Amino acid sequence: MGVRRRIPAEQGRVAIASWRRADATGRAALPRPAIALAVRYALEELSENAEGNSVEVRVPPFGVAQCVTGPRHTRGTPPNVIELDAATWLGLATGEIGWAEALASGSVSASGLRADLSEHLPLFGTL
């Protein structure tokens, strides 16, 4: 069973492409709704590609997704949590940053045995 999509694929691809085209300075100037759309679309892609409920990926304040097969949590804080900012998430999703690099730099907070997305990233090839 796939993820219930909320963002049309074309809109999501345009948002990701806009983020990729901008350099670091330009990305800071992107409108907040455009960043939010790109983040949420990438989270939907992750949930689709790594279907499951054992890991929660949080990108505050824009969105959250559950992914990766394994034991499902039902209450409280999940045992496997990944938290990161929008720029790091989009860098990982597009392949600009590697998982190990993001962890080593402290840009990603990952806790739990299953909190490793390295086999599921990047999400997007050439758009």
N, C-alpha and C. Protein backbone atom coordinates (compact mmCIF):
# COMPACT_ATOMS: atom_id res chain seq x y z
N MET A 1 0.85 -1.18 0.00
CA MET A 1 0.00 0.00 0.00
C MET A 1 0.89 1.24 0.00
N GLY A 2 0.72 2.10 -0.98
CA GLY A 2 1.54 3.30 -1.09
C GLY A 2 1.10 4.40 -0.15
N VAL A 3 1.90 5.42 -0.12
CA VAL A 3 1.64 6.59 0.72
C VAL A 3 0.56 7.43 0.07
N ARG A 4 -0.31 7.99 0.88
CA ARG A 4 -1.32 8.89 0.35
C ARG A 4 -0.64 10.22 0.00
N ARG A 5 -0.57 10.50 -1.27
CA ARG A 5 0.09 11.71 -1.76
C ARG A 5 -0.78 12.93 -1.55
N ARG A 6 -0.15 14.01 -1.13
CA ARG A 6 -0.85 15.27 -0.98
C ARG A 6 -0.34 16.31 -1.98
N ILE A 7 0.88 16.11 -2.44
CA ILE A 7 1.50 17.07 -3.36
C ILE A 7 1.57 16.43 -4.75
N PRO A 8 0.98 17.06 -5.74
CA PRO A 8 1.08 16.53 -7.11
C PRO A 8 2.55 16.44 -7.53
N ALA A 9 2.88 15.36 -8.22
CA ALA A 9 4.27 15.09 -8.60
C ALA A 9 4.90 16.26 -9.36
N GLU A 10 4.17 16.84 -10.27
CA GLU A 10 4.74 17.94 -11.07
C GLU A 10 5.11 19.14 -10.18
N GLN A 11 4.23 19.49 -9.25
CA GLN A 11 4.53 20.60 -8.34
C GLN A 11 5.75 20.27 -7.48
N GLY A 12 5.82 19.05 -7.01
CA GLY A 12 6.95 18.64 -6.18
C GLY A 12 8.26 18.68 -6.94
N ARG A 13 8.24 18.17 -8.17
CA ARG A 13 9.47 18.18 -8.99
C ARG A 13 9.93 19.60 -9.29
N VAL A 14 8.98 20.50 -9.53
CA VAL A 14 9.33 21.91 -9.78
C VAL A 14 9.97 22.51 -8.53
N ALA A 15 9.42 22.23 -7.36
CA ALA A 15 9.98 22.76 -6.11
C ALA A 15 11.39 22.23 -5.87
N ILE A 16 11.60 20.95 -6.09
CA ILE A 16 12.94 20.36 -5.92
C ILE A 16 13.91 20.98 -6.93
N ALA A 17 13.48 21.11 -8.18
CA ALA A 17 14.34 21.70 -9.21
C ALA A 17 14.70 23.14 -8.88
N SER A 18 13.76 23.91 -8.35
CA SER A 18 14.04 25.31 -7.96
C SER A 18 15.09 25.35 -6.86
N TRP A 19 14.96 24.48 -5.90
CA TRP A 19 15.93 24.44 -4.80
C TRP A 19 17.31 24.05 -5.33
N ARG A 20 17.36 23.07 -6.23
CA ARG A 20 18.65 22.62 -6.78
C ARG A 20 19.33 23.71 -7.60
N ARG A 21 18.55 24.49 -8.35
CA ARG A 21 19.13 25.52 -9.21
C ARG A 21 19.74 26.66 -8.43
N ALA A 22 19.22 26.94 -7.27
CA ALA A 22 19.72 28.07 -6.47
C ALA A 22 21.02 27.68 -5.78
N ASP A 23 21.95 28.62 -5.70
CA ASP A 23 23.16 28.37 -4.92
C ASP A 23 22.84 28.63 -3.45
N ALA A 24 23.82 28.50 -2.57
CA ALA A 24 23.58 28.64 -1.13
C ALA A 24 22.94 29.99 -0.79
N THR A 25 23.41 31.05 -1.42
CA THR A 25 22.85 32.37 -1.16
C THR A 25 21.42 32.46 -1.69
N GLY A 26 21.21 31.93 -2.89
CA GLY A 26 19.88 31.96 -3.50
C GLY A 26 18.88 31.13 -2.74
N ARG A 27 19.33 30.04 -2.15
CA ARG A 27 18.43 29.18 -1.39
C ARG A 27 17.88 29.91 -0.17
N ALA A 28 18.71 30.74 0.43
CA ALA A 28 18.25 31.51 1.59
C ALA A 28 17.16 32.50 1.18
N ALA A 29 17.17 32.90 -0.09
CA ALA A 29 16.20 33.87 -0.58
C ALA A 29 14.93 33.21 -1.14
N LEU A 30 14.92 31.88 -1.25
CA LEU A 30 13.72 31.21 -1.75
C LEU A 30 12.55 31.47 -0.80
N PRO A 31 11.38 31.66 -1.35
CA PRO A 31 10.22 31.89 -0.48
C PRO A 31 9.96 30.67 0.42
N ARG A 32 9.58 30.94 1.64
CA ARG A 32 9.33 29.87 2.60
C ARG A 32 8.35 28.81 2.07
N PRO A 33 7.26 29.20 1.39
CA PRO A 33 6.35 28.18 0.85
C PRO A 33 7.02 27.26 -0.16
N ALA A 34 7.99 27.78 -0.93
CA ALA A 34 8.69 26.94 -1.91
C ALA A 34 9.58 25.91 -1.20
N ILE A 35 10.24 26.33 -0.14
CA ILE A 35 11.07 25.40 0.64
C ILE A 35 10.18 24.35 1.30
N ALA A 36 9.07 24.79 1.87
CA ALA A 36 8.14 23.86 2.53
C ALA A 36 7.63 22.82 1.54
N LEU A 37 7.29 23.24 0.34
CA LEU A 37 6.80 22.32 -0.67
C LEU A 37 7.87 21.30 -1.05
N ALA A 38 9.10 21.75 -1.25
CA ALA A 38 10.19 20.84 -1.60
C ALA A 38 10.44 19.84 -0.47
N VAL A 39 10.46 20.30 0.76
CA VAL A 39 10.69 19.42 1.91
C VAL A 39 9.59 18.38 2.01
N ARG A 40 8.36 18.82 1.94
CA ARG A 40 7.23 17.89 2.09
C ARG A 40 7.16 16.88 0.95
N TYR A 41 7.47 17.34 -0.25
CA TYR A 41 7.48 16.41 -1.39
C TYR A 41 8.58 15.36 -1.21
N ALA A 42 9.76 15.79 -0.76
CA ALA A 42 10.85 14.85 -0.53
C ALA A 42 10.49 13.86 0.59
N LEU A 43 9.81 14.32 1.62
CA LEU A 43 9.36 13.42 2.69
C LEU A 43 8.35 12.40 2.15
N GLU A 44 7.46 12.84 1.27
CA GLU A 44 6.52 11.90 0.66
C GLU A 44 7.26 10.86 -0.18
N GLU A 45 8.26 11.30 -0.92
CA GLU A 45 9.07 10.37 -1.72
C GLU A 45 9.76 9.34 -0.84
N LEU A 46 10.32 9.80 0.28
CA LEU A 46 10.97 8.88 1.21
C LEU A 46 9.97 7.86 1.72
N SER A 47 8.80 8.30 2.14
CA SER A 47 7.79 7.38 2.65
C SER A 47 7.34 6.38 1.59
N GLU A 48 7.33 6.80 0.34
CA GLU A 48 6.96 5.91 -0.76
C GLU A 48 8.07 4.90 -1.04
N ASN A 49 9.31 5.37 -1.06
CA ASN A 49 10.44 4.51 -1.42
C ASN A 49 10.90 3.60 -0.28
N ALA A 50 10.71 4.02 0.94
CA ALA A 50 11.13 3.24 2.11
C ALA A 50 9.90 3.02 2.99
N GLU A 51 8.92 2.40 2.41
CA GLU A 51 7.62 2.23 3.08
C GLU A 51 7.76 1.52 4.42
N GLY A 52 7.08 2.02 5.41
CA GLY A 52 7.08 1.43 6.74
C GLY A 52 6.78 2.47 7.79
N ASN A 53 6.88 2.04 9.05
CA ASN A 53 6.54 2.94 10.16
C ASN A 53 7.53 2.86 11.31
N SER A 54 8.71 2.35 11.10
CA SER A 54 9.60 2.18 12.24
C SER A 54 10.53 3.37 12.49
N VAL A 55 10.66 4.27 11.52
CA VAL A 55 11.53 5.44 11.67
C VAL A 55 10.71 6.69 11.41
N GLU A 56 10.89 7.69 12.25
CA GLU A 56 10.23 8.98 12.04
C GLU A 56 11.29 10.00 11.66
N VAL A 57 11.08 10.64 10.52
CA VAL A 57 11.98 11.69 10.03
C VAL A 57 11.29 13.03 10.24
N ARG A 58 11.94 13.90 11.01
CA ARG A 58 11.37 15.21 11.33
C ARG A 58 12.21 16.32 10.70
N VAL A 59 11.54 17.20 10.00
CA VAL A 59 12.18 18.38 9.40
C VAL A 59 11.37 19.60 9.86
N PRO A 60 11.61 20.04 11.11
CA PRO A 60 10.82 21.15 11.63
C PRO A 60 11.17 22.46 10.92
N PRO A 61 10.22 23.32 10.72
CA PRO A 61 8.81 23.20 11.05
C PRO A 61 7.97 22.68 9.90
N PHE A 62 8.61 22.10 8.89
CA PHE A 62 7.92 21.81 7.64
C PHE A 62 7.18 20.48 7.57
N GLY A 63 7.69 19.45 8.19
CA GLY A 63 6.99 18.18 8.04
C GLY A 63 7.66 17.04 8.76
N VAL A 64 6.97 15.92 8.73
CA VAL A 64 7.43 14.69 9.35
C VAL A 64 6.95 13.53 8.50
N ALA A 65 7.72 12.46 8.48
CA ALA A 65 7.33 11.27 7.72
C ALA A 65 7.75 10.03 8.49
N GLN A 66 6.98 8.99 8.31
CA GLN A 66 7.36 7.69 8.85
C GLN A 66 7.76 6.81 7.69
N CYS A 67 8.79 6.00 7.93
CA CYS A 67 9.32 5.18 6.86
C CYS A 67 10.06 3.97 7.44
N VAL A 68 10.56 3.14 6.60
CA VAL A 68 11.40 1.96 6.88
C VAL A 68 10.58 0.87 7.57
N THR A 69 10.63 -0.30 6.99
CA THR A 69 9.91 -1.43 7.57
C THR A 69 10.52 -1.82 8.91
N GLY A 70 9.69 -2.38 9.75
CA GLY A 70 10.13 -2.81 11.07
C GLY A 70 9.01 -2.63 12.06
N PRO A 71 9.31 -2.81 13.34
CA PRO A 71 8.28 -2.69 14.36
C PRO A 71 7.65 -1.29 14.35
N ARG A 72 6.36 -1.28 14.46
CA ARG A 72 5.61 -0.02 14.45
C ARG A 72 5.41 0.47 15.87
N HIS A 73 5.60 1.77 16.07
CA HIS A 73 5.30 2.35 17.38
C HIS A 73 3.91 2.97 17.31
N THR A 74 3.22 3.00 18.44
CA THR A 74 1.87 3.54 18.43
C THR A 74 1.66 4.72 19.37
N ARG A 75 2.51 4.85 20.38
CA ARG A 75 2.34 5.96 21.33
C ARG A 75 3.69 6.52 21.75
N GLY A 76 3.65 7.78 22.11
CA GLY A 76 4.86 8.39 22.64
C GLY A 76 5.92 8.62 21.59
N THR A 77 7.12 8.88 22.05
CA THR A 77 8.24 9.12 21.15
C THR A 77 8.67 7.80 20.51
N PRO A 78 8.78 7.78 19.19
CA PRO A 78 9.21 6.54 18.53
C PRO A 78 10.65 6.20 18.88
N PRO A 79 11.01 4.92 18.82
CA PRO A 79 12.37 4.52 19.18
C PRO A 79 13.43 4.93 18.15
N ASN A 80 13.03 5.20 16.92
CA ASN A 80 13.95 5.56 15.85
C ASN A 80 13.54 6.91 15.28
N VAL A 81 14.32 7.94 15.59
CA VAL A 81 13.98 9.30 15.18
C VAL A 81 15.17 9.95 14.49
N ILE A 82 14.88 10.62 13.40
CA ILE A 82 15.88 11.40 12.68
C ILE A 82 15.34 12.82 12.61
N GLU A 83 16.17 13.79 13.00
CA GLU A 83 15.74 15.18 12.94
C GLU A 83 16.84 16.00 12.28
N LEU A 84 16.43 16.88 11.37
CA LEU A 84 17.38 17.70 10.64
C LEU A 84 16.66 18.92 10.08
N ASP A 85 17.45 19.91 9.66
CA ASP A 85 16.85 21.13 9.10
C ASP A 85 16.55 20.93 7.61
N ALA A 86 15.82 21.88 7.06
CA ALA A 86 15.36 21.77 5.68
C ALA A 86 16.51 21.70 4.68
N ALA A 87 17.53 22.52 4.85
CA ALA A 87 18.64 22.53 3.90
C ALA A 87 19.38 21.20 3.91
N THR A 88 19.60 20.64 5.08
CA THR A 88 20.27 19.34 5.17
C THR A 88 19.41 18.26 4.55
N TRP A 89 18.11 18.27 4.85
CA TRP A 89 17.21 17.27 4.29
C TRP A 89 17.20 17.33 2.76
N LEU A 90 17.07 18.51 2.21
CA LEU A 90 17.05 18.63 0.75
C LEU A 90 18.41 18.29 0.15
N GLY A 91 19.50 18.61 0.85
CA GLY A 91 20.82 18.19 0.39
C GLY A 91 20.95 16.68 0.34
N LEU A 92 20.46 16.00 1.35
CA LEU A 92 20.48 14.54 1.37
C LEU A 92 19.58 13.96 0.29
N ALA A 93 18.38 14.51 0.16
CA ALA A 93 17.41 14.00 -0.81
C ALA A 93 17.90 14.14 -2.24
N THR A 94 18.68 15.18 -2.52
CA THR A 94 19.16 15.41 -3.88
C THR A 94 20.57 14.88 -4.12
N GLY A 95 21.20 14.37 -3.10
CA GLY A 95 22.54 13.81 -3.26
C GLY A 95 23.66 14.81 -3.14
N GLU A 96 23.36 16.04 -2.75
CA GLU A 96 24.42 17.04 -2.57
C GLU A 96 25.24 16.78 -1.32
N ILE A 97 24.63 16.10 -0.35
CA ILE A 97 25.29 15.75 0.91
C ILE A 97 25.12 14.25 1.10
N GLY A 98 26.14 13.59 1.57
CA GLY A 98 26.03 12.17 1.88
C GLY A 98 25.59 11.97 3.32
N TRP A 99 24.99 10.82 3.59
CA TRP A 99 24.50 10.51 4.93
C TRP A 99 25.61 10.57 5.96
N ALA A 100 26.74 9.91 5.68
CA ALA A 100 27.85 9.89 6.64
C ALA A 100 28.38 11.29 6.90
N GLU A 101 28.48 12.08 5.85
CA GLU A 101 28.95 13.47 5.98
C GLU A 101 28.02 14.29 6.87
N ALA A 102 26.71 14.15 6.65
CA ALA A 102 25.73 14.90 7.44
C ALA A 102 25.77 14.49 8.91
N LEU A 103 25.91 13.20 9.17
CA LEU A 103 26.02 12.74 10.56
C LEU A 103 27.29 13.27 11.22
N ALA A 104 28.40 13.17 10.50
CA ALA A 104 29.69 13.59 11.05
C ALA A 104 29.71 15.09 11.35
N SER A 105 29.00 15.88 10.56
CA SER A 105 29.00 17.33 10.76
C SER A 105 28.04 17.76 11.87
N GLY A 106 27.22 16.82 12.34
CA GLY A 106 26.24 17.17 13.37
C GLY A 106 24.97 17.78 12.82
N SER A 107 24.82 17.77 11.50
CA SER A 107 23.62 18.34 10.87
C SER A 107 22.40 17.46 11.03
N VAL A 108 22.63 16.19 11.37
CA VAL A 108 21.56 15.22 11.53
C VAL A 108 21.61 14.66 12.93
N SER A 109 20.47 14.61 13.58
CA SER A 109 20.34 13.92 14.86
C SER A 109 19.60 12.62 14.57
N ALA A 110 20.25 11.49 14.82
CA ALA A 110 19.64 10.20 14.54
C ALA A 110 19.78 9.30 15.76
N SER A 111 18.65 8.78 16.23
CA SER A 111 18.69 7.88 17.38
C SER A 111 17.88 6.63 17.07
N GLY A 112 18.36 5.51 17.54
CA GLY A 112 17.68 4.24 17.34
C GLY A 112 18.43 3.36 16.36
N LEU A 113 18.21 2.07 16.48
CA LEU A 113 18.92 1.08 15.66
C LEU A 113 18.61 1.18 14.18
N ARG A 114 17.43 1.63 13.84
CA ARG A 114 17.03 1.70 12.42
C ARG A 114 17.17 3.11 11.83
N ALA A 115 17.69 4.04 12.58
CA ALA A 115 17.76 5.44 12.14
C ALA A 115 18.96 5.68 11.24
N ASP A 116 18.95 5.00 10.12
CA ASP A 116 20.01 5.15 9.11
C ASP A 116 19.34 5.14 7.75
N LEU A 117 19.37 6.26 7.06
CA LEU A 117 18.71 6.37 5.76
C LEU A 117 19.67 6.22 4.59
N SER A 118 20.91 5.84 4.85
CA SER A 118 21.92 5.81 3.80
C SER A 118 21.52 4.95 2.60
N GLU A 119 20.81 3.86 2.82
CA GLU A 119 20.44 3.01 1.69
C GLU A 119 19.24 3.56 0.91
N HIS A 120 18.58 4.58 1.44
CA HIS A 120 17.40 5.14 0.79
C HIS A 120 17.66 6.50 0.14
N LEU A 121 18.86 7.01 0.28
CA LEU A 121 19.19 8.34 -0.25
C LEU A 121 20.30 8.25 -1.27
N PRO A 122 20.37 9.14 -2.23
CA PRO A 122 19.45 10.25 -2.49
C PRO A 122 18.14 9.74 -3.10
N LEU A 123 17.13 10.57 -3.03
CA LEU A 123 15.81 10.25 -3.54
C LEU A 123 15.65 10.64 -5.00
N PHE A 124 16.36 11.68 -5.42
CA PHE A 124 16.16 12.25 -6.74
C PHE A 124 17.43 12.18 -7.57
N GLY A 125 17.27 11.66 -8.78
CA GLY A 125 18.35 11.72 -9.74
C GLY A 125 18.24 13.04 -10.48
N THR A 126 18.53 13.04 -11.74
CA THR A 126 18.41 14.25 -12.55
C THR A 126 16.95 14.55 -12.80
N LEU A 127 16.53 15.76 -12.50
CA LEU A 127 15.13 16.14 -12.73
C LEU A 127 14.99 16.90 -14.03
